[in-house]
Protein backbone atom coordinates (compact mmCIF):
# COMPACT_ATOMS: atom_id res chain seq x y z
CA MET A 1 0.00 0.00 0.00
CA GLN A 2 2.81 2.40 0.89
CA SER A 3 4.65 1.70 -2.40
CA ARG A 4 1.49 2.51 -4.41
CA PHE A 5 1.11 5.81 -2.59
CA LEU A 6 4.78 6.60 -3.22
CA LEU A 7 4.42 5.71 -6.91
CA LEU A 8 1.32 7.89 -7.24
CA PHE A 9 3.08 10.76 -5.47
CA LEU A 10 6.13 10.51 -7.77
CA ILE A 11 3.94 10.42 -10.89
CA MET A 12 2.05 13.51 -9.72
CA ALA A 13 5.30 15.31 -8.89
CA GLY A 14 6.65 14.44 -12.34
CA LEU A 15 3.55 15.86 -14.02
CA VAL A 16 3.87 19.08 -12.02
CA VAL A 17 7.57 19.44 -12.96
CA ALA A 18 6.83 18.73 -16.62
CA PHE A 19 3.77 20.91 -17.14
CA ALA A 20 3.48 23.60 -14.44
CA PRO A 21 4.19 27.10 -15.73
CA LEU A 22 7.60 28.36 -14.71
CA PRO A 23 7.95 31.86 -13.31
CA ALA A 24 9.38 34.08 -16.00
CA PRO A 25 11.18 37.29 -15.14
CA ALA A 26 9.61 40.30 -16.77
CA VAL A 27 12.01 41.63 -19.37
CA ALA A 28 11.21 44.80 -21.24
CA PRO A 29 11.36 44.42 -25.03
CA GLN A 30 14.57 45.75 -26.54
CA ALA A 31 15.88 46.57 -29.98
CA ARG A 32 18.48 43.89 -30.84
CA THR A 33 20.78 44.17 -33.86
CA PHE A 34 22.92 41.31 -35.18
CA ARG A 35 25.47 41.37 -37.99
CA ILE A 36 25.45 37.99 -39.71
CA ASP A 37 28.28 37.18 -42.12
CA ALA A 38 27.21 34.72 -44.81
CA ARG A 39 29.74 32.69 -46.76
CA GLN A 40 29.60 29.35 -48.46
CA TYR A 41 28.16 27.44 -46.46
CA ALA A 42 27.79 29.00 -43.04
CA TYR A 43 26.45 31.91 -41.07
CA SER A 44 28.54 33.65 -38.43
CA PRO A 45 27.18 33.80 -35.80
CA SER A 46 24.96 30.79 -36.39
CA GLU A 47 23.01 31.01 -33.11
CA LEU A 48 21.06 34.05 -31.95
CA LYS A 49 19.21 34.50 -28.65
CA VAL A 50 16.58 37.16 -28.01
CA ASN A 51 13.70 37.75 -25.61
CA GLN A 52 10.10 37.51 -26.66
CA GLY A 53 8.86 40.94 -27.78
CA ASP A 54 12.29 42.19 -28.88
CA THR A 55 12.59 44.06 -32.17
CA VAL A 56 15.23 42.08 -34.05
CA THR A 57 17.31 43.60 -36.84
CA LEU A 58 19.46 41.24 -38.87
CA GLN A 59 22.15 42.77 -41.04
CA LEU A 60 23.11 40.08 -43.56
CA VAL A 61 26.56 40.58 -45.09
CA SER A 62 27.48 38.34 -48.03
CA THR A 63 31.21 37.72 -48.34
CA ASP A 64 31.38 35.58 -51.50
CA VAL A 65 28.20 34.89 -53.52
CA VAL A 66 24.53 35.90 -53.31
CA HIS A 67 23.07 34.63 -50.04
CA GLY A 68 19.68 34.85 -48.43
CA LEU A 69 18.30 34.44 -44.96
CA TYR A 70 14.81 33.08 -44.27
CA VAL A 71 13.51 32.72 -40.70
CA ASP A 72 11.20 29.73 -40.32
CA GLY A 73 8.10 30.44 -38.26
CA TYR A 74 8.24 34.16 -38.95
CA ASP A 75 8.06 33.97 -42.76
CA VAL A 76 10.52 36.83 -43.29
CA SER A 77 13.52 36.86 -45.60
CA VAL A 78 16.27 39.02 -47.05
CA GLU A 79 18.93 38.64 -49.80
CA ALA A 80 22.42 40.14 -49.98
CA ASP A 81 24.66 40.43 -53.05
CA PRO A 82 28.41 39.68 -52.83
CA GLY A 83 30.23 42.33 -50.81
CA GLN A 84 26.94 44.00 -49.92
CA SER A 85 24.67 43.94 -46.91
CA ALA A 86 20.90 43.85 -46.52
CA THR A 87 18.77 44.47 -43.46
CA LEU A 88 15.74 42.63 -42.12
CA THR A 89 13.69 43.80 -39.11
CA PHE A 90 10.89 41.92 -37.34
CA THR A 91 9.36 41.54 -33.88
CA ALA A 92 10.16 38.28 -32.08
CA ASN A 93 6.60 37.66 -30.88
CA LYS A 94 6.70 33.83 -30.90
CA SER A 95 8.70 31.94 -28.29
CA GLY A 96 10.73 28.85 -29.13
CA SER A 97 13.59 27.83 -31.38
CA PHE A 98 13.45 28.71 -35.06
CA ARG A 99 15.76 27.75 -37.89
CA PHE A 100 17.10 30.37 -40.26
CA ARG A 101 18.46 29.20 -43.56
CA CYS A 102 19.78 30.38 -46.87
CA ASN A 103 16.93 30.75 -49.33
CA VAL A 104 19.12 31.43 -52.38
CA THR A 105 20.89 28.47 -53.97
CA CYS A 106 24.54 29.26 -53.27
CA GLY A 107 26.31 26.01 -54.17
CA ALA A 108 26.45 22.29 -53.59
CA MET A 109 26.27 22.46 -49.78
CA HIS A 110 23.47 25.05 -49.79
CA PRO A 111 20.93 22.85 -47.91
CA PHE A 112 23.29 22.71 -44.92
CA MET A 113 23.57 26.48 -44.52
CA ILE A 114 21.40 26.92 -41.43
CA GLY A 115 21.37 28.72 -38.09
CA LYS A 116 19.16 28.91 -35.02
CA LEU A 117 17.16 31.75 -33.49
CA THR A 118 16.06 31.14 -29.88
CA VAL A 119 13.28 33.39 -28.61
CA GLY A 120 12.75 33.36 -24.83
CA THR A 121 14.25 31.12 -22.17
CA ASN A 122 14.94 27.42 -22.53
CA ASN A 123 12.25 26.08 -20.18
CA TRP A 124 12.81 22.49 -21.30
CA LEU A 125 16.29 22.55 -19.82
CA TYR A 126 14.93 23.43 -16.37
CA ARG A 127 12.13 20.88 -16.68
CA SER A 128 14.50 18.09 -17.69
CA VAL A 129 16.80 18.88 -14.75
CA GLY A 130 13.77 18.70 -12.43
CA LEU A 131 12.66 15.37 -13.91
CA ALA A 132 16.20 13.96 -13.63
CA PHE A 133 16.33 14.99 -9.97
CA LEU A 134 12.93 13.38 -9.39
CA ALA A 135 14.17 10.16 -11.06
CA VAL A 136 17.23 10.04 -8.76
CA VAL A 137 15.02 10.53 -5.70
CA SER A 138 12.68 7.78 -6.95
CA VAL A 139 15.50 5.28 -7.42
CA ASN A 140 16.91 6.06 -3.98
CA LEU A 141 13.50 5.63 -2.32
CA SER A 142 12.81 2.36 -4.11
CA LEU A 143 16.23 0.98 -3.10
CA LYS A 144 15.61 1.94 0.54
CA GLN A 145 12.23 0.14 0.47
CA LYS A 146 13.82 -3.06 -0.81
CA ALA A 147 16.57 -3.00 1.82
């Protein structure tokens, strides 16, 4: 009877850790500007992090051939000619991770020219740490019951 109660308690605690809303610090929206250098077949930097509500300006600079930048989930894009730059501005109003990729065929490895835009905090990291901690506690409790 006690082991069933413990199992039910651990399942409920796991559901709370996995699905309860996490407290998010209030961050005022900012204007964020990134210079992204595009060359065959990479972006530099390839990972961008912003807060939800930020106004994001991407300055795409092509160093070799014509490159583009398309942000999945936001449906915005820009193209830059060799040696030139082009600017794209949008509001990061959707939280999550979004891929940005070259939308102009720039060579054989073109499909692998991608980057990542992260909007907001990585809540899944905190949730997975909580679930891992809960799993360790569960194993320790079950070993103590058997002993």
